[in-house]
């Protein structure tokens, strides 16, 4: 799912490795960022990557028949509030990465609230179970389905 992999400073942003980080966890694919998006000097990275992947999609995606339907769910990720423990990555077989971030190919909207940036991603049906597994083990509940995010924030 990470078909968009731009270069920064002459290196691909993502590389991948098969790992078994936790003794009780199944083996999974680890997503390795060549630039740490959580380092404050790289604060630009998520916004820049979002803009670049949207521009890429506009170039490569052909017009789709409006009668075509795609099944999936919208995931919300609070990308500035992560705890890098690798649990979500292990449970989702690398679909959600070490930074609790969904694949860049799935991103479609980026906003901000009082706690930081909110990333919206469309997850195709065949990957919903993997994301559910990641959501279940995420200690901070910062990756959540849109309908649950809305319900939890109705009071705001």
N, C-alpha and C. Protein backbone atom coordinates (compact mmCIF):
# COMPACT_ATOMS: atom_id res chain seq x y z
N UNK A 1 0.81 -1.20 0.00
CA UNK A 1 0.00 0.00 0.00
C UNK A 1 0.85 1.26 0.00
N UNK A 2 2.12 1.17 0.15
CA UNK A 2 2.96 2.37 0.14
C UNK A 2 3.67 2.48 -1.21
N UNK A 3 2.86 2.72 -2.25
CA UNK A 3 3.43 2.82 -3.59
C UNK A 3 4.03 4.19 -3.85
N UNK A 4 3.62 5.20 -3.10
CA UNK A 4 4.20 6.54 -3.24
C UNK A 4 5.33 6.64 -2.22
N UNK A 5 6.55 6.79 -2.71
CA UNK A 5 7.72 6.80 -1.84
C UNK A 5 8.72 7.82 -2.39
N UNK A 6 8.49 9.10 -2.09
CA UNK A 6 9.36 10.14 -2.65
C UNK A 6 10.74 10.15 -2.02
N UNK A 7 11.64 10.84 -2.69
CA UNK A 7 12.99 10.99 -2.17
C UNK A 7 13.12 12.31 -1.42
N UNK A 8 13.84 12.27 -0.33
CA UNK A 8 14.25 13.45 0.43
C UNK A 8 15.75 13.31 0.64
N UNK A 9 16.48 14.34 0.32
CA UNK A 9 17.94 14.33 0.47
C UNK A 9 18.57 13.13 -0.25
N UNK A 10 18.01 12.78 -1.43
CA UNK A 10 18.58 11.71 -2.24
C UNK A 10 18.27 10.30 -1.77
N UNK A 11 17.40 10.15 -0.77
CA UNK A 11 17.05 8.82 -0.26
C UNK A 11 15.53 8.64 -0.26
N UNK A 12 15.08 7.44 -0.58
CA UNK A 12 13.66 7.13 -0.49
C UNK A 12 13.21 7.36 0.95
N UNK A 13 12.01 7.90 1.12
CA UNK A 13 11.52 8.20 2.46
C UNK A 13 11.24 6.93 3.26
N UNK A 14 10.73 5.88 2.59
CA UNK A 14 10.38 4.65 3.29
C UNK A 14 11.23 3.49 2.83
N UNK A 15 11.60 2.65 3.77
CA UNK A 15 12.14 1.33 3.45
C UNK A 15 11.40 0.35 4.35
N UNK A 16 11.56 -0.93 4.07
CA UNK A 16 10.75 -1.93 4.75
C UNK A 16 11.63 -3.08 5.20
N UNK A 17 11.30 -3.65 6.36
CA UNK A 17 12.06 -4.76 6.90
C UNK A 17 11.10 -5.70 7.62
N UNK A 18 11.37 -6.98 7.55
CA UNK A 18 10.57 -7.95 8.31
C UNK A 18 11.17 -8.06 9.70
N UNK A 19 10.33 -7.88 10.73
CA UNK A 19 10.81 -7.88 12.10
C UNK A 19 9.87 -8.66 13.01
N UNK A 20 10.37 -8.95 14.16
CA UNK A 20 9.56 -9.46 15.26
C UNK A 20 10.06 -8.73 16.49
N UNK A 21 9.49 -7.56 16.72
CA UNK A 21 9.96 -6.66 17.75
C UNK A 21 9.65 -7.17 19.16
N UNK A 22 8.47 -7.68 19.38
CA UNK A 22 8.06 -8.14 20.70
C UNK A 22 8.07 -9.66 20.74
N UNK A 23 8.50 -10.23 21.84
CA UNK A 23 8.63 -11.68 21.92
C UNK A 23 7.31 -12.40 21.72
N UNK A 24 6.19 -11.77 22.08
CA UNK A 24 4.89 -12.41 21.93
C UNK A 24 4.21 -12.08 20.62
N UNK A 25 4.77 -11.18 19.85
CA UNK A 25 4.12 -10.71 18.63
C UNK A 25 4.46 -11.60 17.44
N UNK A 26 3.54 -11.63 16.51
CA UNK A 26 3.82 -12.30 15.25
C UNK A 26 4.81 -11.45 14.47
N UNK A 27 5.48 -12.02 13.50
CA UNK A 27 6.38 -11.25 12.67
C UNK A 27 5.59 -10.26 11.83
N UNK A 28 6.16 -9.11 11.53
CA UNK A 28 5.46 -8.11 10.73
C UNK A 28 6.46 -7.34 9.89
N UNK A 29 5.92 -6.49 9.04
CA UNK A 29 6.74 -5.64 8.21
C UNK A 29 6.93 -4.31 8.91
N UNK A 30 8.16 -3.91 9.09
CA UNK A 30 8.45 -2.64 9.73
C UNK A 30 8.66 -1.58 8.64
N UNK A 31 8.04 -0.45 8.82
CA UNK A 31 8.23 0.69 7.92
C UNK A 31 9.28 1.59 8.56
N UNK A 32 10.35 1.84 7.84
CA UNK A 32 11.44 2.65 8.36
C UNK A 32 11.47 3.96 7.58
N UNK A 33 11.31 5.06 8.29
CA UNK A 33 11.37 6.39 7.67
C UNK A 33 12.83 6.84 7.64
N UNK A 34 13.30 7.36 6.51
CA UNK A 34 14.68 7.86 6.43
C UNK A 34 14.81 9.22 7.13
N UNK A 35 13.69 9.90 7.32
CA UNK A 35 13.64 11.15 8.08
C UNK A 35 12.59 10.94 9.16
N UNK A 36 12.93 11.22 10.41
CA UNK A 36 11.99 11.03 11.51
C UNK A 36 10.94 12.14 11.49
N UNK A 37 9.68 11.81 11.21
CA UNK A 37 8.65 12.85 11.13
C UNK A 37 8.30 13.43 12.50
N UNK A 38 8.73 12.78 13.57
CA UNK A 38 8.40 13.26 14.91
C UNK A 38 9.47 14.18 15.49
N UNK A 39 10.61 14.25 14.83
CA UNK A 39 11.66 15.18 15.26
C UNK A 39 11.19 16.59 14.94
N UNK A 40 11.23 17.50 15.91
CA UNK A 40 10.67 18.84 15.69
C UNK A 40 11.34 19.61 14.56
N UNK A 41 12.59 19.29 14.23
CA UNK A 41 13.22 19.97 13.09
C UNK A 41 12.64 19.50 11.75
N UNK A 42 11.88 18.37 11.79
CA UNK A 42 11.23 17.84 10.59
C UNK A 42 9.73 18.08 10.63
N UNK A 43 9.29 19.07 11.35
CA UNK A 43 7.87 19.37 11.50
C UNK A 43 7.16 19.56 10.16
N UNK A 44 7.90 19.98 9.16
CA UNK A 44 7.37 20.21 7.81
C UNK A 44 6.98 18.92 7.10
N UNK A 45 7.52 17.78 7.52
CA UNK A 45 7.48 16.56 6.71
C UNK A 45 6.07 16.06 6.41
N UNK A 46 5.21 15.92 7.41
CA UNK A 46 3.87 15.40 7.15
C UNK A 46 3.11 16.31 6.17
N UNK A 47 3.19 17.62 6.37
CA UNK A 47 2.48 18.54 5.47
C UNK A 47 3.03 18.47 4.06
N UNK A 48 4.35 18.45 3.94
CA UNK A 48 4.98 18.36 2.63
C UNK A 48 4.63 17.04 1.94
N UNK A 49 4.72 15.96 2.69
CA UNK A 49 4.40 14.64 2.14
C UNK A 49 2.94 14.57 1.73
N UNK A 50 2.05 15.15 2.52
CA UNK A 50 0.63 15.18 2.17
C UNK A 50 0.43 15.89 0.83
N UNK A 51 1.01 17.07 0.68
CA UNK A 51 0.86 17.84 -0.57
C UNK A 51 1.46 17.11 -1.76
N UNK A 52 2.62 16.50 -1.56
CA UNK A 52 3.28 15.78 -2.66
C UNK A 52 2.47 14.57 -3.12
N UNK A 53 1.90 13.82 -2.16
CA UNK A 53 1.16 12.63 -2.56
C UNK A 53 -0.17 13.01 -3.21
N UNK A 54 -0.79 14.11 -2.81
CA UNK A 54 -2.03 14.57 -3.46
C UNK A 54 -1.70 14.96 -4.92
N UNK A 55 -0.62 15.69 -5.11
CA UNK A 55 -0.21 16.08 -6.47
C UNK A 55 0.09 14.84 -7.31
N UNK A 56 0.74 13.86 -6.72
CA UNK A 56 1.05 12.60 -7.42
C UNK A 56 -0.24 11.90 -7.85
N UNK A 57 -1.21 11.81 -6.94
CA UNK A 57 -2.48 11.17 -7.27
C UNK A 57 -3.17 11.87 -8.43
N UNK A 58 -3.13 13.20 -8.43
CA UNK A 58 -3.77 13.95 -9.52
C UNK A 58 -3.13 13.64 -10.86
N UNK A 59 -1.84 13.34 -10.86
CA UNK A 59 -1.13 13.02 -12.09
C UNK A 59 -1.44 11.60 -12.58
N UNK A 60 -1.50 10.64 -11.68
CA UNK A 60 -1.56 9.24 -12.10
C UNK A 60 -2.95 8.63 -12.11
N UNK A 61 -3.87 9.17 -11.37
CA UNK A 61 -5.20 8.57 -11.32
C UNK A 61 -6.02 9.05 -12.51
N UNK A 62 -6.51 8.10 -13.27
CA UNK A 62 -7.36 8.39 -14.41
C UNK A 62 -8.79 8.60 -13.92
N UNK A 63 -9.62 9.19 -14.76
CA UNK A 63 -11.02 9.37 -14.40
C UNK A 63 -11.65 8.02 -14.14
N UNK A 64 -12.42 7.97 -13.07
CA UNK A 64 -13.09 6.73 -12.68
C UNK A 64 -14.55 6.84 -13.06
N UNK A 65 -15.11 5.74 -13.51
CA UNK A 65 -16.53 5.69 -13.81
C UNK A 65 -17.30 6.04 -12.53
N UNK A 66 -18.16 7.07 -12.55
CA UNK A 66 -18.86 7.48 -11.33
C UNK A 66 -19.78 6.39 -10.76
N UNK A 67 -20.12 5.39 -11.55
CA UNK A 67 -20.95 4.30 -11.06
C UNK A 67 -20.14 3.28 -10.27
N UNK A 68 -18.81 3.37 -10.34
CA UNK A 68 -17.95 2.44 -9.63
C UNK A 68 -17.97 2.77 -8.13
N UNK A 69 -18.11 1.75 -7.32
CA UNK A 69 -18.08 1.97 -5.87
C UNK A 69 -16.88 1.26 -5.28
N UNK A 70 -16.37 1.83 -4.23
CA UNK A 70 -15.24 1.27 -3.50
C UNK A 70 -15.66 1.18 -2.05
N UNK A 71 -15.44 0.04 -1.46
CA UNK A 71 -15.82 -0.15 -0.07
C UNK A 71 -14.60 0.02 0.82
N UNK A 72 -14.82 0.71 1.93
CA UNK A 72 -13.76 0.93 2.89
C UNK A 72 -14.26 1.81 4.02
N UNK A 73 -13.33 2.22 4.86
CA UNK A 73 -13.66 3.06 6.01
C UNK A 73 -12.66 4.20 6.10
N UNK A 74 -13.07 5.26 6.77
CA UNK A 74 -12.19 6.41 6.97
C UNK A 74 -11.55 6.32 8.35
N UNK A 75 -10.24 6.38 8.36
CA UNK A 75 -9.44 6.33 9.58
C UNK A 75 -8.97 7.73 9.92
N UNK A 76 -8.98 8.05 11.19
CA UNK A 76 -8.48 9.33 11.69
C UNK A 76 -7.24 9.03 12.53
N UNK A 77 -6.15 9.75 12.26
CA UNK A 77 -4.91 9.56 13.01
C UNK A 77 -4.45 10.91 13.55
N UNK A 78 -4.28 10.98 14.86
CA UNK A 78 -3.76 12.20 15.49
C UNK A 78 -2.24 12.09 15.47
N UNK A 79 -1.63 12.61 14.42
CA UNK A 79 -0.22 12.34 14.13
C UNK A 79 0.77 13.08 15.02
N UNK A 80 0.32 14.02 15.82
CA UNK A 80 1.23 14.72 16.73
C UNK A 80 1.17 14.18 18.15
N UNK A 81 0.40 13.14 18.39
CA UNK A 81 0.19 12.63 19.75
C UNK A 81 0.60 11.17 19.89
N UNK A 82 1.56 10.72 19.14
CA UNK A 82 1.90 9.29 19.09
C UNK A 82 2.77 8.86 20.26
N UNK A 83 2.72 7.56 20.53
CA UNK A 83 3.67 6.92 21.42
C UNK A 83 4.30 5.80 20.60
N UNK A 84 5.57 5.89 20.38
CA UNK A 84 6.25 4.96 19.47
C UNK A 84 6.63 3.67 20.21
N UNK A 85 5.64 2.78 20.35
CA UNK A 85 5.91 1.50 20.99
C UNK A 85 5.90 0.34 20.00
N UNK A 86 5.46 0.58 18.78
CA UNK A 86 5.46 -0.45 17.74
C UNK A 86 4.30 -1.43 17.82
N UNK A 87 3.44 -1.31 18.82
CA UNK A 87 2.34 -2.27 18.97
C UNK A 87 1.37 -2.21 17.79
N UNK A 88 0.99 -1.02 17.38
CA UNK A 88 0.05 -0.88 16.25
C UNK A 88 0.68 -1.40 14.96
N UNK A 89 1.96 -1.15 14.80
CA UNK A 89 2.66 -1.64 13.61
C UNK A 89 2.69 -3.17 13.60
N UNK A 90 3.03 -3.77 14.72
CA UNK A 90 3.08 -5.23 14.80
C UNK A 90 1.71 -5.85 14.53
N UNK A 91 0.67 -5.31 15.14
CA UNK A 91 -0.66 -5.90 15.01
C UNK A 91 -1.25 -5.73 13.61
N UNK A 92 -0.83 -4.69 12.91
CA UNK A 92 -1.37 -4.44 11.56
C UNK A 92 -0.44 -4.95 10.46
N UNK A 93 0.57 -5.71 10.83
CA UNK A 93 1.55 -6.23 9.88
C UNK A 93 2.21 -5.11 9.08
N UNK A 94 2.42 -3.97 9.74
CA UNK A 94 3.11 -2.85 9.11
C UNK A 94 2.21 -1.90 8.35
N UNK A 95 0.91 -2.18 8.28
CA UNK A 95 0.01 -1.26 7.58
C UNK A 95 -0.01 0.09 8.31
N UNK A 96 -0.17 0.05 9.62
CA UNK A 96 0.01 1.25 10.45
C UNK A 96 1.47 1.20 10.89
N UNK A 97 2.20 2.28 10.71
CA UNK A 97 3.64 2.20 10.97
C UNK A 97 3.99 2.49 12.43
N UNK A 98 5.28 2.48 12.72
CA UNK A 98 5.81 2.68 14.08
C UNK A 98 5.36 4.01 14.67
N UNK A 99 5.10 5.00 13.82
CA UNK A 99 4.64 6.32 14.26
C UNK A 99 3.12 6.40 14.32
N UNK A 100 2.45 5.25 14.29
CA UNK A 100 0.98 5.16 14.31
C UNK A 100 0.35 5.91 13.14
N UNK A 101 0.98 5.80 11.99
CA UNK A 101 0.55 6.53 10.80
C UNK A 101 0.12 5.54 9.71
N UNK A 102 -1.02 5.80 9.06
CA UNK A 102 -1.44 4.93 7.95
C UNK A 102 -0.58 5.17 6.71
N UNK A 103 -0.64 4.27 5.73
CA UNK A 103 0.16 4.44 4.52
C UNK A 103 -0.15 5.75 3.80
N UNK A 104 0.86 6.40 3.31
CA UNK A 104 0.72 7.70 2.66
C UNK A 104 -0.25 7.64 1.47
N UNK A 105 -0.33 6.51 0.80
CA UNK A 105 -1.24 6.36 -0.35
C UNK A 105 -2.70 6.56 0.05
N UNK A 106 -3.02 6.36 1.32
CA UNK A 106 -4.41 6.41 1.78
C UNK A 106 -4.83 7.80 2.28
N UNK A 107 -3.90 8.71 2.41
CA UNK A 107 -4.20 10.03 2.97
C UNK A 107 -5.05 10.85 2.00
N UNK A 108 -6.06 11.55 2.53
CA UNK A 108 -6.84 12.42 1.65
C UNK A 108 -7.18 13.77 2.27
N UNK A 109 -6.97 13.95 3.57
CA UNK A 109 -7.27 15.25 4.18
C UNK A 109 -6.40 15.42 5.41
N UNK A 110 -5.94 16.65 5.63
CA UNK A 110 -5.11 16.97 6.78
C UNK A 110 -5.68 18.22 7.43
N UNK A 111 -5.95 18.16 8.73
CA UNK A 111 -6.49 19.32 9.44
C UNK A 111 -5.77 19.45 10.78
N UNK A 112 -6.24 20.38 11.57
CA UNK A 112 -5.62 20.63 12.88
C UNK A 112 -6.74 20.87 13.88
N UNK A 113 -6.53 20.38 15.11
CA UNK A 113 -7.42 20.72 16.21
C UNK A 113 -6.58 21.25 17.35
N UNK A 114 -7.15 21.34 18.55
CA UNK A 114 -6.41 21.94 19.66
C UNK A 114 -5.27 21.08 20.18
N UNK A 115 -5.17 19.82 19.75
CA UNK A 115 -4.06 18.97 20.19
C UNK A 115 -3.02 18.71 19.11
N UNK A 116 -3.28 19.14 17.88
CA UNK A 116 -2.32 18.93 16.81
C UNK A 116 -2.98 18.60 15.49
N UNK A 117 -2.19 17.99 14.60
CA UNK A 117 -2.69 17.68 13.26
C UNK A 117 -3.48 16.37 13.26
N UNK A 118 -4.53 16.38 12.44
CA UNK A 118 -5.39 15.21 12.26
C UNK A 118 -5.29 14.79 10.80
N UNK A 119 -4.92 13.54 10.58
CA UNK A 119 -4.77 12.99 9.24
C UNK A 119 -5.94 12.04 8.98
N UNK A 120 -6.57 12.18 7.83
CA UNK A 120 -7.67 11.32 7.43
C UNK A 120 -7.19 10.42 6.29
N UNK A 121 -7.52 9.14 6.42
CA UNK A 121 -7.07 8.15 5.44
C UNK A 121 -8.22 7.22 5.09
N UNK A 122 -8.30 6.84 3.82
CA UNK A 122 -9.32 5.90 3.38
C UNK A 122 -8.70 4.51 3.35
N UNK A 123 -9.28 3.59 4.12
CA UNK A 123 -8.77 2.23 4.23
C UNK A 123 -9.70 1.28 3.48
N UNK A 124 -9.23 0.63 2.42
CA UNK A 124 -10.06 -0.32 1.68
C UNK A 124 -10.51 -1.48 2.59
N UNK A 125 -11.68 -2.02 2.30
CA UNK A 125 -12.27 -3.09 3.12
C UNK A 125 -11.30 -4.22 3.45
N UNK A 126 -10.48 -4.63 2.49
CA UNK A 126 -9.61 -5.79 2.73
C UNK A 126 -8.55 -5.52 3.79
N UNK A 127 -8.36 -4.25 4.20
CA UNK A 127 -7.37 -3.92 5.22
C UNK A 127 -8.01 -3.47 6.55
N UNK A 128 -9.33 -3.44 6.61
CA UNK A 128 -10.02 -2.96 7.82
C UNK A 128 -9.68 -3.82 9.03
N UNK A 129 -9.61 -5.13 8.88
CA UNK A 129 -9.30 -5.98 10.02
C UNK A 129 -7.91 -5.67 10.58
N UNK A 130 -6.93 -5.48 9.71
CA UNK A 130 -5.58 -5.14 10.19
C UNK A 130 -5.59 -3.83 10.98
N UNK A 131 -6.34 -2.86 10.48
CA UNK A 131 -6.42 -1.57 11.19
C UNK A 131 -7.17 -1.74 12.51
N UNK A 132 -8.24 -2.54 12.51
CA UNK A 132 -8.95 -2.82 13.76
C UNK A 132 -8.00 -3.41 14.80
N UNK A 133 -7.14 -4.33 14.37
CA UNK A 133 -6.17 -4.93 15.28
C UNK A 133 -5.23 -3.87 15.84
N UNK A 134 -4.80 -2.93 15.00
CA UNK A 134 -3.92 -1.85 15.45
C UNK A 134 -4.64 -0.93 16.43
N UNK A 135 -5.89 -0.61 16.13
CA UNK A 135 -6.68 0.27 17.01
C UNK A 135 -6.81 -0.35 18.39
N UNK A 136 -7.05 -1.65 18.44
CA UNK A 136 -7.25 -2.33 19.72
C UNK A 136 -6.05 -2.25 20.65
N UNK A 137 -4.83 -2.22 20.10
CA UNK A 137 -3.64 -2.20 20.95
C UNK A 137 -3.04 -0.81 21.11
N UNK A 138 -3.59 0.18 20.45
CA UNK A 138 -3.04 1.53 20.53
C UNK A 138 -3.36 2.15 21.89
N UNK A 139 -2.33 2.39 22.68
CA UNK A 139 -2.51 2.84 24.06
C UNK A 139 -3.18 4.20 24.19
N UNK A 140 -2.97 5.09 23.24
CA UNK A 140 -3.50 6.45 23.35
C UNK A 140 -4.79 6.66 22.57
N UNK A 141 -5.24 5.64 21.87
CA UNK A 141 -6.45 5.76 21.04
C UNK A 141 -6.36 6.93 20.07
N UNK A 142 -5.21 7.06 19.43
CA UNK A 142 -5.01 8.16 18.49
C UNK A 142 -5.21 7.75 17.04
N UNK A 143 -5.46 6.47 16.82
CA UNK A 143 -5.94 6.01 15.52
C UNK A 143 -7.33 5.45 15.79
N UNK A 144 -8.29 5.95 15.04
CA UNK A 144 -9.69 5.66 15.34
C UNK A 144 -10.51 5.82 14.07
N UNK A 145 -11.56 5.03 13.94
CA UNK A 145 -12.45 5.17 12.79
C UNK A 145 -13.20 6.48 12.89
N UNK A 146 -13.51 7.10 11.76
CA UNK A 146 -14.15 8.41 11.73
C UNK A 146 -15.44 8.43 12.56
N UNK A 147 -16.28 7.41 12.44
CA UNK A 147 -17.54 7.44 13.18
C UNK A 147 -17.31 7.44 14.69
N UNK A 148 -16.27 6.76 15.15
CA UNK A 148 -15.94 6.76 16.58
C UNK A 148 -15.33 8.10 17.00
N UNK A 149 -14.53 8.69 16.13
CA UNK A 149 -13.94 10.00 16.38
C UNK A 149 -15.03 11.06 16.53
N UNK A 150 -16.01 11.02 15.63
CA UNK A 150 -17.12 11.97 15.69
C UNK A 150 -17.90 11.79 16.99
N UNK A 151 -18.21 10.54 17.33
CA UNK A 151 -18.97 10.27 18.55
C UNK A 151 -18.21 10.74 19.79
N UNK A 152 -16.89 10.53 19.81
CA UNK A 152 -16.09 10.93 20.96
C UNK A 152 -15.92 12.44 21.08
N UNK A 153 -16.11 13.17 20.00
CA UNK A 153 -15.88 14.60 20.00
C UNK A 153 -17.16 15.42 19.86
N UNK A 154 -18.30 14.82 20.05
CA UNK A 154 -19.58 15.55 19.93
C UNK A 154 -19.68 16.69 20.93
N UNK A 155 -19.03 16.54 22.06
CA UNK A 155 -19.12 17.56 23.12
C UNK A 155 -18.29 18.80 22.81
N UNK A 156 -17.40 18.72 21.85
CA UNK A 156 -16.51 19.86 21.55
C UNK A 156 -17.22 20.96 20.78
